[in-house]
C-alpha atoms as a PDB file:
ATOM      1  CA  MET A   1       0.000   0.000   0.000  1.00  0.00           C
ATOM      2  CA  LYS A   2       1.302   3.420  -0.980  1.00  0.00           C
ATOM      3  CA  LYS A   3       1.922   5.885   1.838  1.00  0.00           C
ATOM      4  CA  LYS A   4      -0.055   9.113   1.478  1.00  0.00           C
ATOM      5  CA  ALA A   5       2.062  12.251   1.147  1.00  0.00           C
ATOM      6  CA  ARG A   6       1.969  14.759   3.985  1.00  0.00           C
ATOM      7  CA  ARG A   7       0.021  17.929   3.346  1.00  0.00           C
ATOM      8  CA  ASN A   8       1.753  21.266   3.640  1.00  0.00           C
ATOM      9  CA  LYS A   9       0.142  24.324   5.262  1.00  0.00           C
ATOM     10  CA  MET A  10      -0.920  25.768   1.889  1.00  0.00           C
ATOM     11  CA  LYS A  11      -2.855  22.612   1.079  1.00  0.00           C
ATOM     12  CA  ILE A  12      -4.311  22.273   4.583  1.00  0.00           C
ATOM     13  CA  TYR A  13      -5.510  25.874   4.620  1.00  0.00           C
ATOM     14  CA  GLY A  14      -6.918  25.528   1.098  1.00  0.00           C
ATOM     15  CA  GLU A  15      -8.803  22.354   1.987  1.00  0.00           C
ATOM     16  CA  LEU A  16     -10.095  23.833   5.226  1.00  0.00           C
ATOM     17  CA  LEU A  17     -11.288  27.042   3.552  1.00  0.00           C
ATOM     18  CA  SER A  18     -13.002  24.992   0.814  1.00  0.00           C
ATOM     19  CA  ILE A  19     -14.768  22.830   3.380  1.00  0.00           C
ATOM     20  CA  LEU A  20     -15.819  25.819   5.497  1.00  0.00           C
ATOM     21  CA  LYS A  21     -17.202  27.581   2.419  1.00  0.00           C
ATOM     22  CA  ALA A  22     -19.115  24.472   1.301  1.00  0.00           C
ATOM     23  CA  GLU A  23     -20.469  23.822   4.795  1.00  0.00           C
ATOM     24  CA  LYS A  24     -21.560  27.449   5.125  1.00  0.00           C
ATOM     25  CA  ASN A  25     -23.490  27.151   1.843  1.00  0.00           C
ATOM     26  CA  ASN A  26     -25.092  23.793   2.738  1.00  0.00           C
ATOM     27  CA  THR A  27     -26.124  24.236   6.361  1.00  0.00           C
ATOM     28  CA  ASP A  28     -27.048  26.865   8.919  1.00  0.00           C
ATOM     29  CA  LYS A  29     -24.635  25.611  11.536  1.00  0.00           C
ATOM     30  CA  ILE A  30     -21.084  24.411  11.010  1.00  0.00           C
ATOM     31  CA  VAL A  31     -20.240  21.300  13.035  1.00  0.00           C
ATOM     32  CA  LEU A  32     -16.535  20.925  13.735  1.00  0.00           C
ATOM     33  CA  ILE A  33     -16.742  17.148  14.077  1.00  0.00           C
ATOM     34  CA  ARG A  34     -17.965  16.949  10.469  1.00  0.00           C
ATOM     35  CA  ILE A  35     -15.119  19.262   9.375  1.00  0.00           C
ATOM     36  CA  GLN A  36     -12.649  17.117  11.329  1.00  0.00           C
ATOM     37  CA  ALA A  37     -13.840  13.969   9.552  1.00  0.00           C
ATOM     38  CA  LYS A  38     -13.537  15.580   6.126  1.00  0.00           C
ATOM     39  CA  MET A  39     -10.060  16.936   6.911  1.00  0.00           C
ATOM     40  CA  ASN A  40      -8.905  13.695   8.562  1.00  0.00           C
ATOM     41  CA  VAL A  41      -7.015  15.490  11.341  1.00  0.00           C
ATOM     42  CA  PRO A  42      -7.162  15.297  15.156  1.00  0.00           C
ATOM     43  CA  PHE A  43      -9.597  17.756  16.747  1.00  0.00           C
ATOM     44  CA  ASP A  44      -6.897  19.760  18.561  1.00  0.00           C
ATOM     45  CA  ARG A  45      -4.973  20.211  15.310  1.00  0.00           C
ATOM     46  CA  LEU A  46      -8.163  21.317  13.533  1.00  0.00           C
ATOM     47  CA  LYS A  47      -8.741  23.963  16.215  1.00  0.00           C
ATOM     48  CA  SER A  48      -5.139  25.104  15.743  1.00  0.00           C
ATOM     49  CA  TYR A  49      -5.625  25.427  11.972  1.00  0.00           C
ATOM     50  CA  ILE A  50      -8.829  27.405  12.501  1.00  0.00           C
ATOM     51  CA  SER A  51      -7.002  29.691  14.908  1.00  0.00           C
ATOM     52  CA  ASP A  52      -4.250  30.147  12.290  1.00  0.00           C
ATOM     53  CA  LEU A  53      -6.847  31.101   9.666  1.00  0.00           C
ATOM     54  CA  GLU A  54      -8.306  33.671  12.022  1.00  0.00           C
ATOM     55  CA  ASP A  55      -4.848  35.085  12.831  1.00  0.00           C
ATOM     56  CA  LEU A  56      -4.147  35.375   9.090  1.00  0.00           C
ATOM     57  CA  ASN A  57      -7.493  37.177   8.611  1.00  0.00           C
ATOM     58  CA  LEU A  58      -8.743  34.438   6.288  1.00  0.00           C
ATOM     59  CA  ILE A  59     -11.864  33.844   8.424  1.00  0.00           C
ATOM     60  CA  GLN A  60     -13.754  36.379  10.520  1.00  0.00           C
ATOM     61  CA  ASP A  61     -14.324  34.498  13.750  1.00  0.00           C
ATOM     62  CA  GLN A  62     -14.423  31.051  15.270  1.00  0.00           C
ATOM     63  CA  VAL A  63     -18.187  31.049  15.708  1.00  0.00           C
ATOM     64  CA  THR A  64     -19.534  31.690  12.206  1.00  0.00           C
ATOM     65  CA  TYR A  65     -16.369  30.731  10.280  1.00  0.00           C
ATOM     66  CA  ASP A  66     -17.155  33.292   7.580  1.00  0.00           C
ATOM     67  CA  LEU A  67     -14.437  33.641   4.965  1.00  0.00           C
ATOM     68  CA  THR A  68     -13.076  37.155   4.690  1.00  0.00           C
ATOM     69  CA  GLN A  69     -12.346  38.751   1.331  1.00  0.00           C
ATOM     70  CA  LYS A  70      -8.719  37.751   1.878  1.00  0.00           C
ATOM     71  CA  GLY A  71      -9.835  34.172   2.596  1.00  0.00           C
ATOM     72  CA  LYS A  72     -11.884  34.051  -0.607  1.00  0.00           C
ATOM     73  CA  GLN A  73      -8.925  35.394  -2.559  1.00  0.00           C
ATOM     74  CA  TYR A  74      -6.637  32.747  -0.990  1.00  0.00           C
ATOM     75  CA  LEU A  75      -9.085  30.038  -1.994  1.00  0.00           C
ATOM     76  CA  ASP A  76      -9.309  31.320  -5.587  1.00  0.00           C
ATOM     77  CA  GLU A  77      -5.515  31.462  -5.934  1.00  0.00           C
ATOM     78  CA  TYR A  78      -5.138  28.034  -4.304  1.00  0.00           C
ATOM     79  CA  LYS A  79      -7.531  26.528  -6.859  1.00  0.00           C
ATOM     80  CA  LYS A  80      -5.552  28.130  -9.695  1.00  0.00           C
ATOM     81  CA  ILE A  81      -2.326  26.612  -8.350  1.00  0.00           C
ATOM     82  CA  LEU A  82      -3.912  23.154  -8.082  1.00  0.00           C
ATOM     83  CA  ASP A  83      -5.253  23.449 -11.624  1.00  0.00           C
ATOM     84  CA  PHE A  84      -1.822  24.466 -12.923  1.00  0.00           C
ATOM     85  CA  MET A  85      -0.115  21.595 -11.100  1.00  0.00           C
ATOM     86  CA  GLU A  86      -2.638  19.136 -12.497  1.00  0.00           C
ATOM     87  CA  ARG A  87      -2.124  20.405 -16.063  1.00  0.00           C
ATOM     88  CA  MET A  88       1.654  20.020 -15.635  1.00  0.00           C
ATOM     89  CA  GLY A  89       1.234  16.485 -14.319  1.00  0.00           C
ATOM     90  CA  ILE A  90       2.667  17.248 -10.884  1.00  0.00           C
ATOM     91  CA  ALA A  91      -0.491  17.179  -8.770  1.00  0.00           C
ATOM     92  CA  ASP A  92      -0.423  14.794  -5.802  1.00  0.00           C
ATOM     93  CA  ARG A  93      -4.123  14.159  -5.447  1.00  0.00           C
END
């Protein structure tokens, strides 16, 4: 069985912002346990990543988890990078 590559912070933040945005669109209340399962990370590490996003002004607060304009821009640029990597044949999905 092939070992899965470790994710770097850029990928973790991109995945987390994508999940938060999707959850915000699909439900009234964001449940961290559901986010944790989708991210496949321990709960304490998830809370740390959320705190990092707030410190970087990528989300507004740890109650509503609204993406800021900067967070939306990060997500757009992250998706462009993933698309580029995939077209070049270097994506690790």
